[in-house]
Amino acid sequence: MFNETSTSSLAKAQHLTLASTLAVAFHLAQMFNEISTSSLAKARRRGYLLMSNGQPADHPSPAAAEELRYLKFNVLQLEG
C-alpha cells in the first residue's frame, strides 16, 4: 500500500520540484529506498536524492535493536 500511495502522489504532483518520503514502520524502513526508486519509475518521474536521514538525535535507539530504528526520511528533487 505504501508503494501505491507514493507512486500516486508523485504522479499527481507534476508541478512540484521537491518531494519528501517518510517511513515510520520497521518493515517499510527495510525496503524504503527500493520503494522510493520504484515509485519514481512507476510515476514516470526522475528524482535526485538530496537528503536521506534516519532516527534524529532526540529519538535514539539501542545499537543492538535494529527494529527500533524505523524512522526513514528522504528529500528528492523532481524532474518531469
Protein backbone atom coordinates (compact mmCIF):
# COMPACT_ATOMS: atom_id res chain seq x y z
CA MET A 1 0.00 0.00 0.00
CA PHE A 2 2.85 2.41 0.79
CA ASN A 3 4.31 1.86 -2.68
CA GLU A 4 0.98 2.62 -4.41
CA THR A 5 0.42 5.73 -2.29
CA SER A 6 3.91 7.02 -3.01
CA THR A 7 3.55 6.37 -6.76
CA SER A 8 0.15 8.04 -6.90
CA SER A 9 1.39 11.12 -5.05
CA LEU A 10 4.42 11.54 -7.30
CA ALA A 11 2.34 11.09 -10.45
CA LYS A 12 -0.27 13.67 -9.39
CA ALA A 13 2.24 16.29 -8.22
CA GLN A 14 3.57 17.25 -11.66
CA HIS A 15 4.09 20.88 -10.62
CA LEU A 16 6.24 20.04 -7.59
CA THR A 17 10.02 20.11 -7.74
CA LEU A 18 10.66 18.75 -4.24
CA ALA A 19 9.14 15.74 -2.54
CA SER A 20 9.71 14.02 0.76
CA THR A 21 9.06 10.43 1.65
CA LEU A 22 8.81 9.06 5.15
CA ALA A 23 8.63 5.54 6.56
CA VAL A 24 7.62 5.00 10.18
CA ALA A 25 7.29 1.22 10.31
CA PHE A 26 10.24 -1.15 10.62
CA HIS A 27 9.12 -3.45 7.80
CA LEU A 28 8.88 -0.43 5.45
CA ALA A 29 12.17 1.05 6.60
CA GLN A 30 13.99 -2.09 5.48
CA MET A 31 12.92 -1.58 1.85
CA PHE A 32 12.43 2.19 1.94
CA ASN A 33 14.92 3.19 -0.77
CA GLU A 34 13.66 0.45 -3.09
CA ILE A 35 10.09 1.71 -2.66
CA SER A 36 11.13 5.32 -3.34
CA THR A 37 13.02 4.32 -6.51
CA SER A 38 10.21 2.08 -7.72
CA SER A 39 7.60 4.80 -7.09
CA LEU A 40 9.54 7.32 -9.15
CA ALA A 41 9.83 4.89 -12.05
CA LYS A 42 6.14 3.95 -11.96
CA ALA A 43 5.15 7.64 -11.83
CA ARG A 44 7.46 8.30 -14.80
CA ARG A 45 9.35 10.92 -12.83
CA ARG A 46 13.07 11.45 -12.45
CA GLY A 47 14.32 12.29 -9.00
CA TYR A 48 17.59 13.14 -7.33
CA LEU A 49 18.19 12.26 -3.70
CA LEU A 50 19.10 15.47 -1.87
CA MET A 51 18.98 14.15 1.67
CA SER A 52 18.45 10.83 3.44
CA ASN A 53 18.06 10.61 7.20
CA GLY A 54 17.03 8.17 9.86
CA GLN A 55 16.48 8.48 13.59
CA PRO A 56 17.09 12.04 14.85
CA ALA A 57 19.32 12.65 17.85
CA ASP A 58 16.30 13.17 20.10
CA HIS A 59 14.95 9.70 19.20
CA PRO A 60 17.87 7.34 19.92
CA SER A 61 17.69 3.57 19.71
CA PRO A 62 19.89 0.85 21.19
CA ALA A 63 22.66 -0.32 18.84
CA ALA A 64 21.58 -3.94 19.29
CA ALA A 65 17.90 -3.29 18.47
CA GLU A 66 17.70 -2.59 14.74
CA GLU A 67 13.90 -2.97 14.83
CA LEU A 68 13.71 0.28 16.82
CA ARG A 69 15.41 2.25 14.02
CA TYR A 70 12.23 2.53 11.97
CA LEU A 71 12.20 6.23 11.00
CA LYS A 72 13.45 6.98 7.48
CA PHE A 73 13.17 10.27 5.60
CA ASN A 74 14.25 11.24 2.07
CA VAL A 75 14.08 14.56 0.25
CA LEU A 76 14.03 14.31 -3.54
CA GLN A 77 14.39 16.91 -6.26
CA LEU A 78 11.92 16.01 -9.01
CA GLU A 79 12.04 16.45 -12.78
CA GLY A 80 9.39 15.77 -15.39
